Amino acid sequence: MSACGTGESTIDINAQKTGFAQTADAQASQTAQAQPTATATIEPTITSTPTETLEPDVTLSPTTSAETSEITATSAIVNGTDAGQWRAQDPADNTEFSPGEEFTVTWTIENTGTSTWTTDYYIEFATGEQMGADDQIYLPYSVPPNTNVQISVDFTAPSAVGEYQSNWNLVSVYSDTFVYFYIIIEVAEDTDD
């Protein structure tokens, strides 16, 4: 037997298109939600801080025995402790000189303190035989701690034969004496015949 009527189903194309479009929109929304969102990356900012450059107060240049440099004295006083020690002398003690002979003694003194000796420091005759030397002789250059200074003094041997000692002190800018040193010489008759 046959069924009642032949039925052909009709498809509504517009409805189908609308369904496809809605499905595509839903899938696009789900895909967008599943992707991570982009965030801005912040780069660190480097800030440079200028540094201070310190300049030395005094520049010293070395000298040789053939040249002498004049160094301007500074009146700046450096805090610290004044201390020193005699290290050497030329000529040695008990060197013989003829009566009236001129000679130079060079003492080497080390700065063992914490202050810098400026050219306002000096050595001065203390006791004994002065032998024509100046009363005071200022340091020829500044002497930082743990360095040496060489100080030369011109003498004239006495006219009488015998042993002579000349005693000296190193004096600070505050007029404090803090290093004691000396020279002993022998004045002998001329033996040249």
N, C-alpha and C. Protein backbone atom coordinates (compact mmCIF):
# COMPACT_ATOMS: atom_id res chain seq x y z
N MET A 1 0.79 -1.12 0.00
CA MET A 1 0.00 0.00 0.00
C MET A 1 0.86 1.21 0.00
N SER A 2 0.33 2.11 -0.32
CA SER A 2 1.13 3.30 -0.44
C SER A 2 0.81 4.26 0.65
N ALA A 3 1.77 4.99 0.92
CA ALA A 3 1.60 5.97 1.99
C ALA A 3 0.84 7.14 1.46
N CYS A 4 0.42 7.83 2.38
CA CYS A 4 -0.38 8.98 1.99
C CYS A 4 0.53 10.05 1.46
N GLY A 5 0.47 10.30 0.32
CA GLY A 5 1.18 11.38 -0.35
C GLY A 5 2.69 11.15 -0.39
N THR A 6 3.32 11.68 -1.34
CA THR A 6 4.77 11.62 -1.47
C THR A 6 5.32 12.88 -0.86
N GLY A 7 6.12 12.76 -0.09
CA GLY A 7 6.62 13.97 0.55
C GLY A 7 8.06 14.28 0.20
N GLU A 8 8.19 15.35 -0.33
CA GLU A 8 9.54 15.89 -0.52
C GLU A 8 9.75 16.96 0.51
N SER A 9 10.84 16.85 1.22
CA SER A 9 11.06 17.86 2.25
C SER A 9 11.74 19.06 1.63
N THR A 10 11.41 20.16 2.04
CA THR A 10 12.01 21.40 1.56
C THR A 10 12.93 21.95 2.64
N ILE A 11 14.05 22.33 2.17
CA ILE A 11 15.05 22.88 3.08
C ILE A 11 15.05 24.39 2.89
N ASP A 12 15.01 25.03 4.02
CA ASP A 12 15.04 26.49 3.96
C ASP A 12 16.50 26.92 3.94
N ILE A 13 16.96 27.36 2.82
CA ILE A 13 18.37 27.73 2.60
C ILE A 13 18.74 28.94 3.45
N ASN A 14 17.91 29.86 3.58
CA ASN A 14 18.23 31.07 4.36
C ASN A 14 18.43 30.72 5.84
N ALA A 15 17.59 29.79 6.31
CA ALA A 15 17.74 29.38 7.70
C ALA A 15 19.05 28.64 7.90
N GLN A 16 19.39 27.85 6.89
CA GLN A 16 20.64 27.11 6.96
C GLN A 16 21.84 28.06 6.96
N LYS A 17 21.80 29.06 6.13
CA LYS A 17 22.89 30.04 6.09
C LYS A 17 23.02 30.76 7.43
N THR A 18 21.90 31.08 7.99
CA THR A 18 21.91 31.78 9.28
C THR A 18 22.52 30.87 10.35
N GLY A 19 22.20 29.60 10.31
CA GLY A 19 22.76 28.65 11.28
C GLY A 19 24.27 28.52 11.14
N PHE A 20 24.71 28.42 9.85
CA PHE A 20 26.16 28.35 9.61
C PHE A 20 26.88 29.59 10.14
N ALA A 21 26.30 30.72 9.88
CA ALA A 21 26.92 31.98 10.30
C ALA A 21 26.99 32.05 11.82
N GLN A 22 25.91 31.61 12.48
CA GLN A 22 25.90 31.65 13.93
C GLN A 22 26.95 30.67 14.51
N THR A 23 27.08 29.52 13.88
CA THR A 23 28.06 28.54 14.32
C THR A 23 29.47 29.08 14.15
N ALA A 24 29.72 29.70 13.01
CA ALA A 24 31.05 30.27 12.74
C ALA A 24 31.37 31.37 13.75
N ASP A 25 30.40 32.22 14.05
CA ASP A 25 30.62 33.29 15.03
C ASP A 25 30.92 32.71 16.41
N ALA A 26 30.21 31.65 16.78
CA ALA A 26 30.41 31.03 18.10
C ALA A 26 31.81 30.41 18.18
N GLN A 27 32.21 29.75 17.09
CA GLN A 27 33.54 29.14 17.07
C GLN A 27 34.64 30.21 17.13
N ALA A 28 34.44 31.31 16.42
CA ALA A 28 35.43 32.39 16.44
C ALA A 28 35.54 32.99 17.83
N SER A 29 34.42 33.15 18.54
CA SER A 29 34.44 33.70 19.88
C SER A 29 35.17 32.76 20.84
N GLN A 30 34.90 31.45 20.71
CA GLN A 30 35.57 30.49 21.57
C GLN A 30 37.07 30.46 21.31
N THR A 31 37.48 30.55 20.05
CA THR A 31 38.90 30.56 19.70
C THR A 31 39.57 31.81 20.28
N ALA A 32 38.94 32.94 20.19
CA ALA A 32 39.51 34.19 20.70
C ALA A 32 39.64 34.13 22.22
N GLN A 33 38.67 33.54 22.90
CA GLN A 33 38.74 33.43 24.35
C GLN A 33 39.84 32.47 24.79
N ALA A 34 40.12 31.45 23.97
CA ALA A 34 41.12 30.45 24.33
C ALA A 34 42.54 30.97 24.14
N GLN A 35 42.73 31.99 23.31
CA GLN A 35 44.08 32.53 23.08
C GLN A 35 44.45 33.49 24.21
N PRO A 36 45.76 33.45 24.66
CA PRO A 36 46.16 34.41 25.70
C PRO A 36 46.18 35.82 25.15
N THR A 37 45.92 36.73 26.01
CA THR A 37 45.94 38.13 25.58
C THR A 37 47.37 38.65 25.64
N ALA A 38 47.71 39.50 24.73
CA ALA A 38 49.06 40.10 24.67
C ALA A 38 49.16 41.21 25.70
N THR A 39 50.29 41.20 26.45
CA THR A 39 50.53 42.27 27.42
C THR A 39 51.80 43.01 27.00
N ALA A 40 51.85 44.25 27.30
CA ALA A 40 53.01 45.06 26.92
C ALA A 40 54.20 44.68 27.79
N THR A 41 55.38 44.54 27.19
CA THR A 41 56.61 44.26 27.92
C THR A 41 57.27 45.59 28.25
N ILE A 42 57.58 45.79 29.53
CA ILE A 42 58.20 47.03 29.98
C ILE A 42 59.71 46.82 30.03
N GLU A 43 60.42 47.62 29.29
CA GLU A 43 61.89 47.56 29.28
C GLU A 43 62.43 48.37 30.46
N PRO A 44 63.43 47.82 31.19
CA PRO A 44 63.99 48.61 32.30
C PRO A 44 64.72 49.83 31.78
N THR A 45 64.64 50.89 32.55
CA THR A 45 65.31 52.13 32.19
C THR A 45 66.61 52.20 32.98
N ILE A 46 67.73 52.42 32.30
CA ILE A 46 69.03 52.53 32.96
C ILE A 46 69.31 54.01 33.19
N THR A 47 69.57 54.32 34.44
CA THR A 47 69.90 55.70 34.80
C THR A 47 71.34 55.73 35.28
N SER A 48 72.15 56.57 34.66
CA SER A 48 73.54 56.67 35.10
C SER A 48 73.66 57.82 36.09
N THR A 49 74.48 57.56 37.10
CA THR A 49 74.76 58.58 38.11
C THR A 49 76.17 59.09 37.88
N PRO A 50 76.33 60.39 37.68
CA PRO A 50 77.70 60.89 37.45
C PRO A 50 78.56 60.69 38.69
N THR A 51 79.82 60.37 38.46
CA THR A 51 80.75 60.22 39.57
C THR A 51 81.66 61.44 39.62
N GLU A 52 82.11 61.75 40.82
CA GLU A 52 82.96 62.92 41.02
C GLU A 52 84.41 62.54 40.77
N THR A 53 85.11 63.34 40.01
CA THR A 53 86.53 63.12 39.77
C THR A 53 87.32 64.01 40.71
N LEU A 54 88.23 63.40 41.48
CA LEU A 54 89.02 64.16 42.43
C LEU A 54 90.35 64.51 41.80
N GLU A 55 90.76 65.73 41.98
CA GLU A 55 92.04 66.20 41.46
C GLU A 55 93.03 66.30 42.61
N PRO A 56 94.30 65.89 42.40
CA PRO A 56 95.28 66.03 43.47
C PRO A 56 95.58 67.50 43.75
N ASP A 57 95.90 67.79 45.02
CA ASP A 57 96.22 69.16 45.41
C ASP A 57 97.61 69.57 44.94
N VAL A 58 98.55 68.64 44.97
CA VAL A 58 99.94 68.97 44.66
C VAL A 58 100.51 67.90 43.75
N THR A 59 101.24 68.30 42.75
CA THR A 59 101.93 67.35 41.90
C THR A 59 103.42 67.57 42.08
N LEU A 60 104.13 66.51 42.41
CA LEU A 60 105.56 66.60 42.61
C LEU A 60 106.27 65.94 41.45
N SER A 61 107.37 66.53 41.03
CA SER A 61 108.16 65.90 39.98
C SER A 61 109.51 65.52 40.57
N PRO A 62 110.00 64.34 40.18
CA PRO A 62 111.28 63.91 40.74
C PRO A 62 112.42 64.79 40.26
N THR A 63 113.46 64.86 41.07
CA THR A 63 114.64 65.62 40.68
C THR A 63 115.85 64.72 40.71
N THR A 64 116.84 65.06 39.96
CA THR A 64 118.11 64.35 39.99
C THR A 64 119.14 65.26 40.63
N SER A 65 120.31 64.73 40.91
CA SER A 65 121.33 65.56 41.55
C SER A 65 121.79 66.68 40.63
N ALA A 66 121.58 66.51 39.31
CA ALA A 66 122.02 67.53 38.37
C ALA A 66 120.98 68.62 38.18
N GLU A 67 119.75 68.39 38.61
CA GLU A 67 118.71 69.40 38.42
C GLU A 67 118.00 69.64 39.73
N THR A 68 117.49 70.84 39.90
CA THR A 68 116.75 71.18 41.10
C THR A 68 115.43 71.78 40.66
N SER A 69 114.34 71.25 41.20
CA SER A 69 113.02 71.79 40.88
C SER A 69 112.54 72.60 42.06
N GLU A 70 111.92 73.71 41.77
CA GLU A 70 111.34 74.50 42.84
C GLU A 70 109.89 74.11 42.96
N ILE A 71 109.47 73.77 44.16
CA ILE A 71 108.10 73.37 44.41
C ILE A 71 107.47 74.43 45.29
N THR A 72 106.30 74.92 44.88
CA THR A 72 105.64 75.97 45.63
C THR A 72 105.14 75.42 46.95
N ALA A 73 105.44 76.10 48.02
CA ALA A 73 105.02 75.66 49.35
C ALA A 73 103.53 75.86 49.50
N THR A 74 102.91 74.93 50.19
CA THR A 74 101.50 75.08 50.48
C THR A 74 101.35 75.28 51.97
N SER A 75 100.43 76.13 52.37
CA SER A 75 100.26 76.38 53.79
C SER A 75 99.16 75.51 54.37
N ALA A 76 98.63 74.59 53.55
CA ALA A 76 97.60 73.69 54.06
C ALA A 76 98.20 72.75 55.09
N ILE A 77 97.51 72.59 56.19
CA ILE A 77 98.01 71.74 57.26
C ILE A 77 97.26 70.42 57.19
N VAL A 78 98.01 69.33 57.17
CA VAL A 78 97.42 68.01 57.12
C VAL A 78 97.36 67.45 58.53
N ASN A 79 96.19 67.00 58.93
CA ASN A 79 96.04 66.43 60.27
C ASN A 79 96.72 65.08 60.33
N GLY A 80 97.18 64.71 61.50
CA GLY A 80 97.83 63.43 61.69
C GLY A 80 98.86 63.55 62.80
N THR A 81 99.69 62.53 62.91
CA THR A 81 100.72 62.49 63.93
C THR A 81 102.08 62.71 63.29
N ASP A 82 102.86 63.61 63.84
CA ASP A 82 104.22 63.85 63.37
C ASP A 82 105.16 62.87 64.06
N ALA A 83 105.84 62.06 63.27
CA ALA A 83 106.84 61.13 63.80
C ALA A 83 107.84 60.87 62.69
N GLY A 84 109.09 60.69 63.06
CA GLY A 84 110.11 60.43 62.05
C GLY A 84 111.28 59.68 62.65
N GLN A 85 112.14 59.19 61.76
CA GLN A 85 113.31 58.46 62.21
C GLN A 85 114.49 58.74 61.29
N TRP A 86 115.65 59.01 61.89
CA TRP A 86 116.89 59.19 61.15
C TRP A 86 117.21 57.86 60.47
N ARG A 87 117.58 57.91 59.18
CA ARG A 87 117.90 56.69 58.43
C ARG A 87 119.36 56.63 57.99
N ALA A 88 119.92 57.76 57.58
CA ALA A 88 121.30 57.74 57.07
C ALA A 88 121.86 59.16 57.04
N GLN A 89 123.17 59.23 56.85
CA GLN A 89 123.82 60.52 56.64
C GLN A 89 125.07 60.32 55.80
N ASP A 90 125.44 61.39 55.13
CA ASP A 90 126.66 61.37 54.32
C ASP A 90 127.33 62.73 54.50
N PRO A 91 128.56 62.78 55.00
CA PRO A 91 129.48 61.68 55.31
C PRO A 91 129.15 61.03 56.65
N ALA A 92 129.78 59.88 56.90
CA ALA A 92 129.57 59.15 58.15
C ALA A 92 130.18 59.90 59.32
N ASP A 93 129.72 59.58 60.52
CA ASP A 93 130.31 60.15 61.73
C ASP A 93 131.81 59.83 61.79
N ASN A 94 132.56 60.72 62.43
CA ASN A 94 134.01 60.60 62.64
C ASN A 94 134.84 60.74 61.36
N THR A 95 134.24 61.32 60.31
CA THR A 95 135.01 61.63 59.11
C THR A 95 135.97 62.77 59.47
N GLU A 96 137.19 62.69 58.95
CA GLU A 96 138.21 63.71 59.25
C GLU A 96 138.16 64.84 58.22
N PHE A 97 138.28 66.06 58.74
CA PHE A 97 138.36 67.26 57.91
C PHE A 97 139.54 68.09 58.38
N SER A 98 140.08 68.87 57.48
CA SER A 98 141.16 69.80 57.82
C SER A 98 140.55 71.02 58.50
N PRO A 99 141.32 71.73 59.31
CA PRO A 99 140.81 72.96 59.94
C PRO A 99 140.32 73.94 58.86
N GLY A 100 139.10 74.48 59.06
CA GLY A 100 138.53 75.45 58.13
C GLY A 100 137.99 74.86 56.83
N GLU A 101 138.02 73.53 56.67
CA GLU A 101 137.52 72.91 55.43
C GLU A 101 136.00 72.98 55.37
N GLU A 102 135.47 73.33 54.19
CA GLU A 102 134.02 73.36 53.99
C GLU A 102 133.54 71.98 53.56
N PHE A 103 132.38 71.59 54.08
CA PHE A 103 131.81 70.29 53.72
C PHE A 103 130.29 70.36 53.85
N THR A 104 129.61 69.41 53.22
CA THR A 104 128.14 69.34 53.26
C THR A 104 127.73 68.01 53.87
N VAL A 105 126.78 68.06 54.78
CA VAL A 105 126.21 66.84 55.37
C VAL A 105 124.78 66.71 54.83
N THR A 106 124.45 65.50 54.38
CA THR A 106 123.08 65.21 53.92
C THR A 106 122.50 64.13 54.83
N TRP A 107 121.41 64.48 55.51
CA TRP A 107 120.71 63.53 56.37
C TRP A 107 119.50 62.99 55.63
N THR A 108 119.20 61.70 55.81
CA THR A 108 117.99 61.08 55.28
C THR A 108 117.11 60.75 56.47
N ILE A 109 115.88 61.30 56.44
CA ILE A 109 114.94 61.10 57.54
C ILE A 109 113.64 60.55 56.96
N GLU A 110 113.11 59.51 57.60
CA GLU A 110 111.86 58.88 57.14
C GLU A 110 110.68 59.41 57.93
N ASN A 111 109.58 59.69 57.22
CA ASN A 111 108.33 60.10 57.86
C ASN A 111 107.61 58.82 58.32
N THR A 112 107.64 58.54 59.62
CA THR A 112 107.00 57.35 60.18
C THR A 112 105.66 57.67 60.82
N GLY A 113 105.20 58.91 60.69
CA GLY A 113 103.92 59.32 61.26
C GLY A 113 102.79 59.17 60.26
N THR A 114 101.68 59.87 60.54
CA THR A 114 100.50 59.82 59.67
C THR A 114 100.22 61.15 58.98
N SER A 115 101.00 62.19 59.32
CA SER A 115 100.81 63.49 58.66
C SER A 115 101.82 63.65 57.53
N THR A 116 101.51 64.51 56.60
CA THR A 116 102.44 64.85 55.53
C THR A 116 103.23 66.08 55.97
N TRP A 117 104.55 65.96 55.91
CA TRP A 117 105.40 67.10 56.25
C TRP A 117 105.42 68.03 55.05
N THR A 118 105.04 69.27 55.25
CA THR A 118 105.04 70.25 54.16
C THR A 118 106.37 71.00 54.15
N THR A 119 106.50 71.90 53.21
CA THR A 119 107.71 72.72 53.14
C THR A 119 107.72 73.81 54.21
N ASP A 120 106.70 73.82 55.08
CA ASP A 120 106.70 74.69 56.25
C ASP A 120 107.43 74.04 57.43
N TYR A 121 107.75 72.76 57.32
CA TYR A 121 108.56 72.06 58.33
C TYR A 121 110.03 72.41 58.06
N TYR A 122 110.85 72.32 59.10
CA TYR A 122 112.26 72.68 58.93
C TYR A 122 113.12 71.95 59.95
N ILE A 123 114.43 71.94 59.68
CA ILE A 123 115.36 71.46 60.70
C ILE A 123 116.01 72.71 61.29
N GLU A 124 116.40 72.59 62.57
CA GLU A 124 117.05 73.73 63.22
C GLU A 124 118.19 73.25 64.08
N PHE A 125 119.22 74.09 64.14
CA PHE A 125 120.36 73.81 65.00
C PHE A 125 119.88 73.80 66.45
N ALA A 126 120.30 72.78 67.23
CA ALA A 126 119.87 72.66 68.62
C ALA A 126 121.00 72.98 69.59
N THR A 127 122.06 72.16 69.58
CA THR A 127 123.17 72.34 70.52
C THR A 127 124.46 71.85 69.88
N GLY A 128 125.56 72.04 70.59
CA GLY A 128 126.85 71.58 70.10
C GLY A 128 127.53 72.65 69.28
N GLU A 129 128.28 72.24 68.27
CA GLU A 129 129.00 73.17 67.39
C GLU A 129 128.18 73.43 66.13
N GLN A 130 127.84 74.68 65.87
CA GLN A 130 127.05 75.03 64.69
C GLN A 130 127.90 75.00 63.43
N MET A 131 129.18 75.23 63.55
CA MET A 131 130.15 75.17 62.46
C MET A 131 129.72 75.96 61.21
N GLY A 132 129.22 77.17 61.45
CA GLY A 132 128.89 78.07 60.34
C GLY A 132 127.61 77.74 59.60
N ALA A 133 126.83 76.77 60.05
CA ALA A 133 125.58 76.40 59.37
C ALA A 133 124.47 77.39 59.67
N ASP A 134 123.49 77.47 58.80
CA ASP A 134 122.30 78.30 59.05
C ASP A 134 121.56 77.78 60.27
N ASP A 135 120.79 78.67 60.92
CA ASP A 135 120.01 78.27 62.09
C ASP A 135 118.88 77.32 61.72
N GLN A 136 118.19 77.61 60.60
CA GLN A 136 117.04 76.82 60.16
C GLN A 136 117.15 76.54 58.66
N ILE A 137 116.72 75.34 58.28
CA ILE A 137 116.68 74.96 56.86
C ILE A 137 115.35 74.25 56.62
N TYR A 138 114.53 74.83 55.72
CA TYR A 138 113.21 74.28 55.43
C TYR A 138 113.31 73.05 54.53
N LEU A 139 112.33 72.16 54.69
CA LEU A 139 112.32 70.95 53.86
C LEU A 139 112.21 71.35 52.39
N PRO A 140 112.91 70.65 51.51
CA PRO A 140 112.91 71.03 50.09
C PRO A 140 111.65 70.60 49.33
N TYR A 141 110.85 69.70 49.90
CA TYR A 141 109.62 69.22 49.25
C TYR A 141 108.73 68.57 50.31
N SER A 142 107.46 68.34 49.98
CA SER A 142 106.53 67.68 50.91
C SER A 142 106.91 66.22 51.05
N VAL A 143 106.68 65.69 52.26
CA VAL A 143 107.08 64.30 52.55
C VAL A 143 105.86 63.56 53.12
N PRO A 144 105.18 62.75 52.29
CA PRO A 144 104.05 61.95 52.79
C PRO A 144 104.52 60.86 53.74
N PRO A 145 103.61 60.27 54.51
CA PRO A 145 103.97 59.17 55.40
C PRO A 145 104.67 58.04 54.64
N ASN A 146 105.61 57.39 55.30
CA ASN A 146 106.36 56.24 54.77
C ASN A 146 107.27 56.59 53.60
N THR A 147 107.68 57.84 53.51
CA THR A 147 108.66 58.25 52.50
C THR A 147 109.79 59.00 53.21
N ASN A 148 110.87 59.22 52.48
CA ASN A 148 112.06 59.85 53.06
C ASN A 148 112.27 61.25 52.49
N VAL A 149 113.01 62.04 53.25
CA VAL A 149 113.46 63.34 52.77
C VAL A 149 114.97 63.40 53.00
N GLN A 150 115.67 64.03 52.07
CA GLN A 150 117.10 64.27 52.23
C GLN A 150 117.30 65.76 52.40
N ILE A 151 117.96 66.11 53.50
CA ILE A 151 118.19 67.51 53.84
C ILE A 151 119.70 67.72 53.92
N SER A 152 120.20 68.70 53.16
CA SER A 152 121.63 68.98 53.14
C SER A 152 121.93 70.29 53.86
N VAL A 153 123.04 70.28 54.61
CA VAL A 153 123.47 71.46 55.37
C VAL A 153 124.95 71.68 55.09
N ASP A 154 125.32 72.94 54.80
CA ASP A 154 126.72 73.31 54.56
C ASP A 154 127.39 73.71 55.87
N PHE A 155 128.56 73.13 56.13
CA PHE A 155 129.32 73.39 57.35
C PHE A 155 130.73 73.84 56.99
N THR A 156 131.41 74.42 57.97
CA THR A 156 132.84 74.72 57.90
C THR A 156 133.49 74.15 59.15
N ALA A 157 134.49 73.29 58.97
CA ALA A 157 135.17 72.68 60.12
C ALA A 157 135.84 73.76 60.97
N PRO A 158 135.79 73.60 62.29
CA PRO A 158 136.48 74.56 63.17
C PRO A 158 137.98 74.59 62.88
N SER A 159 138.64 75.65 63.32
CA SER A 159 140.08 75.79 63.06
C SER A 159 140.95 75.00 64.02
N ALA A 160 140.39 74.63 65.16
CA ALA A 160 141.18 73.86 66.16
C ALA A 160 140.98 72.36 65.96
N VAL A 161 142.03 71.61 66.18
CA VAL A 161 141.99 70.15 66.07
C VAL A 161 141.11 69.58 67.19
N GLY A 162 140.34 68.53 66.88
CA GLY A 162 139.51 67.88 67.91
C GLY A 162 138.26 67.26 67.32
N GLU A 163 137.42 66.74 68.22
CA GLU A 163 136.14 66.14 67.83
C GLU A 163 135.03 67.15 68.07
N TYR A 164 134.10 67.24 67.11
CA TYR A 164 133.01 68.20 67.21
C TYR A 164 131.69 67.51 66.85
N GLN A 165 130.63 67.88 67.59
CA GLN A 165 129.31 67.34 67.34
C GLN A 165 128.33 68.48 67.14
N SER A 166 127.49 68.37 66.09
CA SER A 166 126.45 69.36 65.83
C SER A 166 125.10 68.65 65.91
N ASN A 167 124.21 69.10 66.82
CA ASN A 167 122.92 68.45 67.09
C ASN A 167 121.78 69.26 66.46
N TRP A 168 120.84 68.55 65.83
CA TRP A 168 119.76 69.17 65.08
C TRP A 168 118.42 68.53 65.42
N ASN A 169 117.34 69.28 65.19
CA ASN A 169 115.97 68.78 65.38
C ASN A 169 115.15 69.05 64.13
N LEU A 170 114.18 68.16 63.88
CA LEU A 170 113.16 68.41 62.85
C LEU A 170 111.99 69.05 63.57
N VAL A 171 111.46 70.15 63.02
CA VAL A 171 110.43 70.95 63.68
C VAL A 171 109.19 71.00 62.79
N SER A 172 108.01 70.78 63.41
CA SER A 172 106.74 70.77 62.67
C SER A 172 106.25 72.19 62.41
N VAL A 173 105.19 72.29 61.66
CA VAL A 173 104.56 73.57 61.38
C VAL A 173 104.00 74.18 62.67
N TYR A 174 103.80 73.36 63.70
CA TYR A 174 103.31 73.83 65.00
C TYR A 174 104.46 74.17 65.95
N SER A 175 105.70 74.17 65.44
CA SER A 175 106.91 74.45 66.22
C SER A 175 107.23 73.38 67.24
N ASP A 176 106.75 72.16 67.01
CA ASP A 176 107.08 71.02 67.87
C ASP A 176 108.28 70.29 67.30
N THR A 177 109.28 69.99 68.14
CA THR A 177 110.42 69.20 67.69
C THR A 177 110.09 67.73 67.88
N PHE A 178 110.41 66.90 66.87
CA PHE A 178 110.02 65.50 66.99
C PHE A 178 111.04 64.51 66.44
N VAL A 179 112.13 64.96 65.83
CA VAL A 179 113.21 64.05 65.42
C VAL A 179 114.53 64.72 65.80
N TYR A 180 115.41 63.97 66.44
CA TYR A 180 116.72 64.47 66.85
C TYR A 180 117.78 63.70 66.07
N PHE A 181 118.79 64.42 65.55
CA PHE A 181 119.88 63.79 64.82
C PHE A 181 121.11 64.68 64.92
N TYR A 182 122.28 64.16 64.49
CA TYR A 182 123.53 64.91 64.68
C TYR A 182 124.59 64.42 63.70
N ILE A 183 125.71 65.16 63.68
CA ILE A 183 126.92 64.75 62.96
C ILE A 183 128.10 64.94 63.91
N ILE A 184 129.01 63.97 63.90
CA ILE A 184 130.27 64.07 64.66
C ILE A 184 131.40 64.07 63.64
N ILE A 185 132.30 65.04 63.75
CA ILE A 185 133.45 65.10 62.84
C ILE A 185 134.75 65.15 63.64
N GLU A 186 135.82 64.82 62.97
CA GLU A 186 137.17 64.95 63.54
C GLU A 186 137.91 66.01 62.74
N VAL A 187 138.44 67.00 63.41
CA VAL A 187 139.29 67.97 62.75
C VAL A 187 140.72 67.55 63.05
N ALA A 188 141.49 67.27 61.99
CA ALA A 188 142.86 66.75 62.15
C ALA A 188 143.83 67.69 61.48
N GLU A 189 145.07 67.68 61.97
CA GLU A 189 146.13 68.48 61.34
C GLU A 189 146.35 67.99 59.91
N ASP A 190 146.67 68.94 59.05
CA ASP A 190 147.05 68.55 57.69
C ASP A 190 148.31 67.72 57.77
N THR A 191 148.33 66.56 57.11
CA THR A 191 149.51 65.70 57.11
C THR A 191 150.25 65.79 55.80
N ASP A 192 149.77 66.66 54.90
CA ASP A 192 150.44 66.82 53.60
C ASP A 192 151.75 67.58 53.82
N ASP A 193 152.90 66.98 53.48
CA ASP A 193 154.19 67.65 53.63
C ASP A 193 154.79 67.91 52.28
